[in-house]
Amino acid sequence: MLVAPEVTVFYPRWGVELFNMSTEEFSARYLADIDKFTRIIRDAKIAQID
C-alpha cells in the first residue's frame, strides 16, 4: 500500500523519503515523531482539540 504509485506521488510534496525499514523500526520512528510533535505543540501553546 505505501509503495503504490497512486500513493508515492504525494511523498515528495509531504517531504517523505521512502526507505526500507522493519516493522519495529517503523514503530519506533512513528512513536518518536508523535513525542516530538507533541512537545512542539505543547511548547508553542497551540490549543488542543478534544
PDB file of N, CA and C in Angstrom:
ATOM      1  N   MET A   1       0.808  -1.193   0.000  1.00  0.00           N
ATOM      2  CA  MET A   1       0.000   0.000   0.000  1.00  0.00           C
ATOM      3  C   MET A   1       0.857   1.266   0.000  1.00  0.00           C
ATOM      4  N   LEU A   2       1.879   1.306   0.833  1.00  0.00           N
ATOM      5  CA  LEU A   2       2.700   2.516   0.922  1.00  0.00           C
ATOM      6  C   LEU A   2       3.550   2.758  -0.310  1.00  0.00           C
ATOM      7  N   VAL A   3       3.758   1.724  -1.118  1.00  0.00           N
ATOM      8  CA  VAL A   3       4.566   1.897  -2.323  1.00  0.00           C
ATOM      9  C   VAL A   3       3.719   1.897  -3.587  1.00  0.00           C
ATOM     10  N   ALA A   4       2.407   1.951  -3.449  1.00  0.00           N
ATOM     11  CA  ALA A   4       1.527   2.018  -4.609  1.00  0.00           C
ATOM     12  C   ALA A   4       1.773   3.337  -5.344  1.00  0.00           C
ATOM     13  N   PRO A   5       1.856   3.298  -6.664  1.00  0.00           N
ATOM     14  CA  PRO A   5       2.158   4.521  -7.423  1.00  0.00           C
ATOM     15  C   PRO A   5       1.223   5.681  -7.122  1.00  0.00           C
ATOM     16  N   GLU A   6      -0.059   5.387  -6.904  1.00  0.00           N
ATOM     17  CA  GLU A   6      -1.003   6.471  -6.638  1.00  0.00           C
ATOM     18  C   GLU A   6      -0.776   7.115  -5.270  1.00  0.00           C
ATOM     19  N   VAL A   7      -0.019   6.443  -4.411  1.00  0.00           N
ATOM     20  CA  VAL A   7       0.303   6.993  -3.099  1.00  0.00           C
ATOM     21  C   VAL A   7       1.676   7.665  -3.129  1.00  0.00           C
ATOM     22  N   THR A   8       2.637   7.047  -3.756  1.00  0.00           N
ATOM     23  CA  THR A   8       4.013   7.555  -3.734  1.00  0.00           C
ATOM     24  C   THR A   8       4.171   8.904  -4.418  1.00  0.00           C
ATOM     25  N   VAL A   9       3.268   9.277  -5.315  1.00  0.00           N
ATOM     26  CA  VAL A   9       3.385  10.586  -5.970  1.00  0.00           C
ATOM     27  C   VAL A   9       3.239  11.728  -4.968  1.00  0.00           C
ATOM     28  N   PHE A  10       2.592  11.473  -3.841  1.00  0.00           N
ATOM     29  CA  PHE A  10       2.394  12.517  -2.836  1.00  0.00           C
ATOM     30  C   PHE A  10       3.580  12.665  -1.894  1.00  0.00           C
ATOM     31  N   TYR A  11       4.422  11.666  -1.778  1.00  0.00           N
ATOM     32  CA  TYR A  11       5.516  11.695  -0.812  1.00  0.00           C
ATOM     33  C   TYR A  11       6.427  12.911  -0.953  1.00  0.00           C
ATOM     34  N   PRO A  12       6.890  13.242  -2.162  1.00  0.00           N
ATOM     35  CA  PRO A  12       7.759  14.428  -2.257  1.00  0.00           C
ATOM     36  C   PRO A  12       7.065  15.707  -1.794  1.00  0.00           C
ATOM     37  N   ARG A  13       5.781  15.823  -2.051  1.00  0.00           N
ATOM     38  CA  ARG A  13       5.034  17.003  -1.616  1.00  0.00           C
ATOM     39  C   ARG A  13       4.968  17.085  -0.097  1.00  0.00           C
ATOM     40  N   TRP A  14       4.944  15.945   0.545  1.00  0.00           N
ATOM     41  CA  TRP A  14       4.837  15.878   2.002  1.00  0.00           C
ATOM     42  C   TRP A  14       6.199  15.856   2.684  1.00  0.00           C
ATOM     43  N   GLY A  15       7.285  15.810   1.901  1.00  0.00           N
ATOM     44  CA  GLY A  15       8.618  15.755   2.480  1.00  0.00           C
ATOM     45  C   GLY A  15       8.992  14.381   3.003  1.00  0.00           C
ATOM     46  N   VAL A  16       8.355  13.343   2.475  1.00  0.00           N
ATOM     47  CA  VAL A  16       8.589  11.969   2.940  1.00  0.00           C
ATOM     48  C   VAL A  16       9.628  11.309   2.043  1.00  0.00           C
ATOM     49  N   GLU A  17      10.574  10.623   2.671  1.00  0.00           N
ATOM     50  CA  GLU A  17      11.560   9.838   1.941  1.00  0.00           C
ATOM     51  C   GLU A  17      11.281   8.366   2.197  1.00  0.00           C
ATOM     52  N   LEU A  18      11.201   7.595   1.127  1.00  0.00           N
ATOM     53  CA  LEU A  18      10.962   6.168   1.278  1.00  0.00           C
ATOM     54  C   LEU A  18      12.279   5.431   1.471  1.00  0.00           C
ATOM     55  N   PHE A  19      12.296   4.525   2.418  1.00  0.00           N
ATOM     56  CA  PHE A  19      13.424   3.636   2.595  1.00  0.00           C
ATOM     57  C   PHE A  19      12.930   2.404   3.321  1.00  0.00           C
ATOM     58  N   ASN A  20      13.653   1.329   3.139  1.00  0.00           N
ATOM     59  CA  ASN A  20      13.251   0.064   3.752  1.00  0.00           C
ATOM     60  C   ASN A  20      13.514   0.093   5.249  1.00  0.00           C
ATOM     61  N   MET A  21      12.529  -0.331   6.012  1.00  0.00           N
ATOM     62  CA  MET A  21      12.708  -0.462   7.447  1.00  0.00           C
ATOM     63  C   MET A  21      11.786  -1.566   7.941  1.00  0.00           C
ATOM     64  N   SER A  22      12.180  -2.148   9.029  1.00  0.00           N
ATOM     65  CA  SER A  22      11.378  -3.219   9.610  1.00  0.00           C
ATOM     66  C   SER A  22      10.156  -2.624  10.306  1.00  0.00           C
ATOM     67  N   THR A  23       9.230  -3.471  10.655  1.00  0.00           N
ATOM     68  CA  THR A  23       8.043  -3.038  11.393  1.00  0.00           C
ATOM     69  C   THR A  23       8.444  -2.401  12.708  1.00  0.00           C
ATOM     70  N   GLU A  24       9.433  -2.978  13.376  1.00  0.00           N
ATOM     71  CA  GLU A  24       9.894  -2.449  14.649  1.00  0.00           C
ATOM     72  C   GLU A  24      10.517  -1.064  14.479  1.00  0.00           C
ATOM     73  N   GLU A  25      11.313  -0.895  13.424  1.00  0.00           N
ATOM     74  CA  GLU A  25      11.932   0.404  13.156  1.00  0.00           C
ATOM     75  C   GLU A  25      10.866   1.453  12.825  1.00  0.00           C
ATOM     76  N   PHE A  26       9.887   1.052  12.028  1.00  0.00           N
ATOM     77  CA  PHE A  26       8.804   1.968  11.686  1.00  0.00           C
ATOM     78  C   PHE A  26       8.050   2.387  12.942  1.00  0.00           C
ATOM     79  N   SER A  27       7.737   1.429  13.789  1.00  0.00           N
ATOM     80  CA  SER A  27       7.013   1.715  15.023  1.00  0.00           C
ATOM     81  C   SER A  27       7.795   2.679  15.903  1.00  0.00           C
ATOM     82  N   ALA A  28       9.083   2.442  16.050  1.00  0.00           N
ATOM     83  CA  ALA A  28       9.929   3.305  16.876  1.00  0.00           C
ATOM     84  C   ALA A  28       9.966   4.721  16.298  1.00  0.00           C
ATOM     85  N   ARG A  29      10.104   4.833  14.994  1.00  0.00           N
ATOM     86  CA  ARG A  29      10.140   6.156  14.345  1.00  0.00           C
ATOM     87  C   ARG A  29       8.809   6.871  14.510  1.00  0.00           C
ATOM     88  N   TYR A  30       7.715   6.143  14.324  1.00  0.00           N
ATOM     89  CA  TYR A  30       6.371   6.710  14.458  1.00  0.00           C
ATOM     90  C   TYR A  30       6.158   7.257  15.873  1.00  0.00           C
ATOM     91  N   LEU A  31       6.491   6.459  16.867  1.00  0.00           N
ATOM     92  CA  LEU A  31       6.305   6.883  18.256  1.00  0.00           C
ATOM     93  C   LEU A  31       7.206   8.067  18.605  1.00  0.00           C
ATOM     94  N   ALA A  32       8.424   8.057  18.084  1.00  0.00           N
ATOM     95  CA  ALA A  32       9.337   9.183  18.322  1.00  0.00           C
ATOM     96  C   ALA A  32       8.791  10.458  17.690  1.00  0.00           C
ATOM     97  N   ASP A  33       8.215  10.344  16.494  1.00  0.00           N
ATOM     98  CA  ASP A  33       7.625  11.508  15.832  1.00  0.00           C
ATOM     99  C   ASP A  33       6.431  12.042  16.612  1.00  0.00           C
ATOM    100  N   ILE A  34       5.613  11.151  17.141  1.00  0.00           N
ATOM    101  CA  ILE A  34       4.466  11.576  17.945  1.00  0.00           C
ATOM    102  C   ILE A  34       4.957  12.359  19.163  1.00  0.00           C
ATOM    103  N   ASP A  35       5.963  11.836  19.846  1.00  0.00           N
ATOM    104  CA  ASP A  35       6.538  12.533  21.008  1.00  0.00           C
ATOM    105  C   ASP A  35       7.100  13.902  20.615  1.00  0.00           C
ATOM    106  N   LYS A  36       7.827  13.935  19.503  1.00  0.00           N
ATOM    107  CA  LYS A  36       8.452  15.165  19.039  1.00  0.00           C
ATOM    108  C   LYS A  36       7.398  16.244  18.766  1.00  0.00           C
ATOM    109  N   PHE A  37       6.371  15.891  18.010  1.00  0.00           N
ATOM    110  CA  PHE A  37       5.383  16.892  17.639  1.00  0.00           C
ATOM    111  C   PHE A  37       4.450  17.236  18.793  1.00  0.00           C
ATOM    112  N   THR A  38       4.262  16.316  19.721  1.00  0.00           N
ATOM    113  CA  THR A  38       3.502  16.625  20.931  1.00  0.00           C
ATOM    114  C   THR A  38       4.218  17.713  21.725  1.00  0.00           C
ATOM    115  N   ARG A  39       5.539  17.590  21.858  1.00  0.00           N
ATOM    116  CA  ARG A  39       6.329  18.607  22.569  1.00  0.00           C
ATOM    117  C   ARG A  39       6.285  19.947  21.841  1.00  0.00           C
ATOM    118  N   ILE A  40       6.397  19.906  20.518  1.00  0.00           N
ATOM    119  CA  ILE A  40       6.372  21.144  19.735  1.00  0.00           C
ATOM    120  C   ILE A  40       5.044  21.869  19.938  1.00  0.00           C
ATOM    121  N   ILE A  41       3.956  21.127  19.856  1.00  0.00           N
ATOM    122  CA  ILE A  41       2.629  21.718  20.026  1.00  0.00           C
ATOM    123  C   ILE A  41       2.457  22.257  21.445  1.00  0.00           C
ATOM    124  N   ARG A  42       2.885  21.488  22.428  1.00  0.00           N
ATOM    125  CA  ARG A  42       2.767  21.928  23.827  1.00  0.00           C
ATOM    126  C   ARG A  42       3.603  23.184  24.066  1.00  0.00           C
ATOM    127  N   ASP A  43       4.860  23.175  23.610  1.00  0.00           N
ATOM    128  CA  ASP A  43       5.746  24.302  23.840  1.00  0.00           C
ATOM    129  C   ASP A  43       5.271  25.574  23.114  1.00  0.00           C
ATOM    130  N   ALA A  44       4.610  25.391  21.977  1.00  0.00           N
ATOM    131  CA  ALA A  44       4.084  26.525  21.226  1.00  0.00           C
ATOM    132  C   ALA A  44       2.739  27.001  21.760  1.00  0.00           C
ATOM    133  N   LYS A  45       2.223  26.261  22.758  1.00  0.00           N
ATOM    134  CA  LYS A  45       0.934  26.575  23.377  1.00  0.00           C
ATOM    135  C   LYS A  45      -0.203  26.634  22.369  1.00  0.00           C
ATOM    136  N   ILE A  46      -0.181  25.669  21.453  1.00  0.00           N
ATOM    137  CA  ILE A  46      -1.239  25.547  20.460  1.00  0.00           C
ATOM    138  C   ILE A  46      -2.407  24.811  21.126  1.00  0.00           C
ATOM    139  N   ALA A  47      -3.604  25.362  20.969  1.00  0.00           N
ATOM    140  CA  ALA A  47      -4.784  24.761  21.591  1.00  0.00           C
ATOM    141  C   ALA A  47      -5.015  23.353  21.036  1.00  0.00           C
ATOM    142  N   GLN A  48      -5.351  22.439  21.930  1.00  0.00           N
ATOM    143  CA  GLN A  48      -5.625  21.070  21.542  1.00  0.00           C
ATOM    144  C   GLN A  48      -7.109  20.880  21.303  1.00  0.00           C
ATOM    145  N   ILE A  49      -7.430  20.020  20.369  1.00  0.00           N
ATOM    146  CA  ILE A  49      -8.816  19.672  20.071  1.00  0.00           C
ATOM    147  C   ILE A  49      -9.123  18.360  20.759  1.00  0.00           C
ATOM    148  N   ASP A  50     -10.200  18.337  21.518  1.00  0.00           N
ATOM    149  CA  ASP A  50     -10.596  17.112  22.207  1.00  0.00           C
ATOM    150  C   ASP A  50     -11.412  16.213  21.317  1.00  0.00           C
TER     151      ASP A  50
END
